[in-house]
């Protein structure tokens, strides 16, 4: 069948996947040794309305309670090209660890949208805690020309930035963060610690 996700390494290796699970886990494994680019070929929606990635191996290999997890073992740079598509966790009610992404890397996560229309979105996160769209625990987060919308949390419904010195958020290239709902504070972005550059 046609691929739903394409994974490329800095050295030129390229693999097509018809499973989001397998493609994402492969990307995380490769990111322990080299820079990786993940390109979406379709909208990525949560399984059973909740799980973006389901594995038996836990946090180390790409998932944390259904959200997309970038572990500390990922010491290189991961780029996700939405390519005009959306990553939608699809949560209609709040759950623990309800964010779309949990970033805890020694490297960086960059999310871009190479499509002309710039229709790619991070959406559908709904957390009883912090970070509906993206929970940045550690590392560098770059958003370039993407949209973060339709997420909910107590703090930082769009993006929550946590660490004291080693969490940095860069908002670039007409990135849009809107219509995210925080029940306490920080509908768009909440920086508890770390740095924000716009």
Protein backbone atom coordinates (compact mmCIF):
# COMPACT_ATOMS: atom_id res chain seq x y z
CA UNK A 1 0.00 0.00 0.00
CA UNK A 2 0.92 3.67 -0.14
CA UNK A 3 3.11 4.93 2.73
CA UNK A 4 1.59 6.92 5.58
CA UNK A 5 4.99 8.03 6.87
CA UNK A 6 8.49 8.34 5.38
CA UNK A 7 11.64 8.28 7.51
CA UNK A 8 14.96 9.63 6.20
CA UNK A 9 18.36 9.81 7.89
CA UNK A 10 21.04 12.46 7.41
CA UNK A 11 23.18 9.92 5.58
CA UNK A 12 20.51 9.49 2.89
CA UNK A 13 18.76 6.34 4.08
CA UNK A 14 15.05 6.36 3.34
CA UNK A 15 12.26 3.98 4.34
CA UNK A 16 8.54 4.07 3.63
CA UNK A 17 6.07 2.75 6.20
CA UNK A 18 2.43 1.80 5.91
CA UNK A 19 2.17 1.81 9.73
CA UNK A 20 2.58 4.96 11.82
CA UNK A 21 3.66 2.81 14.77
CA UNK A 22 6.50 1.11 12.96
CA UNK A 23 7.64 4.29 11.23
CA UNK A 24 7.72 6.33 14.44
CA UNK A 25 9.51 3.66 16.47
CA UNK A 26 12.08 3.26 13.69
CA UNK A 27 12.63 7.04 13.65
CA UNK A 28 13.21 7.13 17.42
CA UNK A 29 15.65 4.24 17.23
CA UNK A 30 17.59 5.93 14.41
CA UNK A 31 17.69 9.25 16.31
CA UNK A 32 20.03 7.67 18.85
CA UNK A 33 22.75 7.77 16.16
CA UNK A 34 21.90 10.38 13.53
CA UNK A 35 19.57 13.21 12.48
CA UNK A 36 16.18 11.99 11.27
CA UNK A 37 13.37 13.52 9.19
CA UNK A 38 9.84 12.12 9.40
CA UNK A 39 7.43 13.16 6.63
CA UNK A 40 3.68 12.60 6.87
CA UNK A 41 1.81 11.32 3.83
CA UNK A 42 -1.62 11.29 5.51
CA UNK A 43 -3.33 12.72 8.58
CA UNK A 44 -2.15 10.88 11.70
CA UNK A 45 -5.09 10.25 14.01
CA UNK A 46 -5.22 8.58 17.39
CA UNK A 47 -6.16 4.91 17.62
CA UNK A 48 -9.45 4.36 19.44
CA UNK A 49 -9.67 8.13 19.76
CA UNK A 50 -6.65 8.27 22.05
CA UNK A 51 -3.42 6.46 21.10
CA UNK A 52 -1.11 7.92 18.47
CA UNK A 53 1.42 5.16 19.04
CA UNK A 54 0.96 1.83 20.82
CA UNK A 55 3.92 -0.39 21.73
CA UNK A 56 4.77 -3.03 24.28
CA UNK A 57 8.21 -1.54 24.97
CA UNK A 58 7.23 1.65 26.77
CA UNK A 59 8.67 5.14 26.89
CA UNK A 60 12.07 4.31 25.43
CA UNK A 61 10.68 3.54 22.00
CA UNK A 62 8.41 6.33 21.01
CA UNK A 63 5.29 6.30 23.13
CA UNK A 64 4.20 7.34 26.60
CA UNK A 65 0.58 6.45 27.41
CA UNK A 66 -0.43 7.02 23.80
CA UNK A 67 1.34 10.31 23.15
CA UNK A 68 4.40 10.63 20.92
CA UNK A 69 7.47 10.51 23.13
CA UNK A 70 10.97 11.79 22.30
CA UNK A 71 13.21 10.10 24.93
CA UNK A 72 16.52 11.29 26.34
CA UNK A 73 18.28 8.56 24.35
CA UNK A 74 17.46 10.60 21.21
CA UNK A 75 20.64 12.65 21.23
CA UNK A 76 20.35 13.93 17.67
CA UNK A 77 17.82 16.06 15.84
CA UNK A 78 14.37 14.89 14.79
CA UNK A 79 12.45 16.89 12.19
CA UNK A 80 8.78 16.21 11.53
CA UNK A 81 7.44 17.59 8.25
CA UNK A 82 3.66 17.74 8.53
CA UNK A 83 3.55 18.19 4.75
CA UNK A 84 0.09 19.75 4.96
CA UNK A 85 -1.31 16.99 7.20
CA UNK A 86 -2.30 16.93 10.87
CA UNK A 87 -1.30 14.96 13.93
CA UNK A 88 -4.56 14.63 15.85
CA UNK A 89 -4.73 12.72 19.12
CA UNK A 90 -8.49 12.99 19.03
CA UNK A 91 -9.15 13.28 22.76
CA UNK A 92 -12.66 14.55 23.50
CA UNK A 93 -12.13 14.43 27.27
CA UNK A 94 -9.08 15.02 29.46
CA UNK A 95 -6.78 12.14 30.39
CA UNK A 96 -3.52 11.90 32.31
CA UNK A 97 -0.59 12.41 29.89
CA UNK A 98 -3.04 13.67 27.30
CA UNK A 99 -0.57 15.71 25.25
CA UNK A 100 0.18 15.02 21.60
CA UNK A 101 3.97 15.17 22.15
CA UNK A 102 6.18 14.70 25.20
CA UNK A 103 9.70 15.94 24.43
CA UNK A 104 12.55 14.89 26.73
CA UNK A 105 15.53 14.78 24.38
CA UNK A 106 19.18 15.76 24.58
CA UNK A 107 18.83 16.88 20.96
CA UNK A 108 15.98 18.79 19.37
CA UNK A 109 12.53 18.36 17.85
CA UNK A 110 11.72 20.54 14.86
CA UNK A 111 8.19 20.57 13.43
CA UNK A 112 7.78 22.12 9.99
CA UNK A 113 5.18 22.22 7.24
CA UNK A 114 6.67 22.17 3.75
CA UNK A 115 3.28 22.36 2.04
CA UNK A 116 2.36 25.50 0.11
CA UNK A 117 -0.97 25.86 1.93
CA UNK A 118 0.54 25.41 5.43
CA UNK A 119 -2.45 23.36 6.62
CA UNK A 120 -0.48 21.06 8.96
CA UNK A 121 -1.71 21.05 12.59
CA UNK A 122 -0.89 19.67 16.01
CA UNK A 123 -4.29 19.12 17.57
CA UNK A 124 -6.54 16.93 19.71
CA UNK A 125 -4.45 16.86 22.89
CA UNK A 126 -6.42 17.03 26.14
CA UNK A 127 -4.51 16.65 29.41
CA UNK A 128 -5.61 16.72 33.04
CA UNK A 129 -2.12 18.13 33.73
CA UNK A 130 0.26 20.25 31.68
CA UNK A 131 0.79 20.58 27.95
CA UNK A 132 -2.11 19.68 25.69
CA UNK A 133 -0.34 19.98 22.36
CA UNK A 134 3.34 19.72 23.29
CA UNK A 135 4.89 19.07 26.71
CA UNK A 136 8.56 20.16 26.54
CA UNK A 137 10.34 18.57 29.46
CA UNK A 138 13.90 19.00 28.18
CA UNK A 139 15.69 19.91 24.95
CA UNK A 140 15.05 22.33 22.09
CA UNK A 141 11.72 22.69 20.31
CA UNK A 142 11.49 24.52 16.98
CA UNK A 143 8.11 25.27 15.36
CA UNK A 144 8.35 26.56 11.79
CA UNK A 145 5.22 27.47 9.87
CA UNK A 146 2.89 25.07 11.68
CA UNK A 147 -0.38 25.46 13.56
CA UNK A 148 -1.03 24.35 17.14
CA UNK A 149 -4.76 24.47 17.81
CA UNK A 150 -7.64 22.61 19.45
CA UNK A 151 -5.71 21.38 22.50
CA UNK A 152 -6.61 21.57 26.20
CA UNK A 153 -4.78 21.31 29.54
CA UNK A 154 -4.59 22.88 32.99
CA UNK A 155 -1.43 24.83 32.10
CA UNK A 156 0.01 25.40 28.64
CA UNK A 157 -2.79 24.05 26.50
CA UNK A 158 -0.84 24.61 23.30
CA UNK A 159 2.72 24.25 24.64
CA UNK A 160 4.08 23.74 28.15
CA UNK A 161 7.79 24.40 28.79
CA UNK A 162 9.11 22.87 32.01
CA UNK A 163 12.88 22.63 32.62
CA UNK A 164 14.98 25.38 34.24
CA UNK A 165 17.86 25.86 31.79
CA UNK A 166 17.64 23.08 29.23
CA UNK A 167 14.22 23.58 27.66
CA UNK A 168 14.02 26.16 24.88
CA UNK A 169 11.08 26.92 22.55
CA UNK A 170 11.60 28.74 19.24
CA UNK A 171 8.48 30.02 17.44
CA UNK A 172 9.37 30.84 13.82
CA UNK A 173 8.09 31.35 10.27
CA UNK A 174 4.49 32.37 10.87
CA UNK A 175 3.70 29.56 13.28
CA UNK A 176 0.15 29.97 14.59
CA UNK A 177 -0.94 29.02 18.11
CA UNK A 178 -4.62 29.69 18.73
CA UNK A 179 -7.89 28.28 20.12
CA UNK A 180 -6.19 26.17 22.76
CA UNK A 181 -7.96 26.08 26.14
CA UNK A 182 -6.25 26.13 29.54
CA UNK A 183 -8.41 25.58 32.61
CA UNK A 184 -5.89 27.45 34.82
CA UNK A 185 -3.33 29.44 32.81
CA UNK A 186 -1.50 29.64 29.51
CA UNK A 187 -3.94 28.89 26.71
CA UNK A 188 -1.29 29.23 24.01
CA UNK A 189 2.05 28.79 25.80
CA UNK A 190 3.01 28.42 29.46
CA UNK A 191 6.72 28.69 30.32
CA UNK A 192 7.22 27.41 33.86
CA UNK A 193 10.99 27.35 33.37
CA UNK A 194 13.23 27.45 30.32
CA UNK A 195 13.23 29.99 27.51
CA UNK A 196 10.91 31.19 24.77
CA UNK A 197 12.04 32.95 21.59
CA UNK A 198 9.50 34.40 19.16
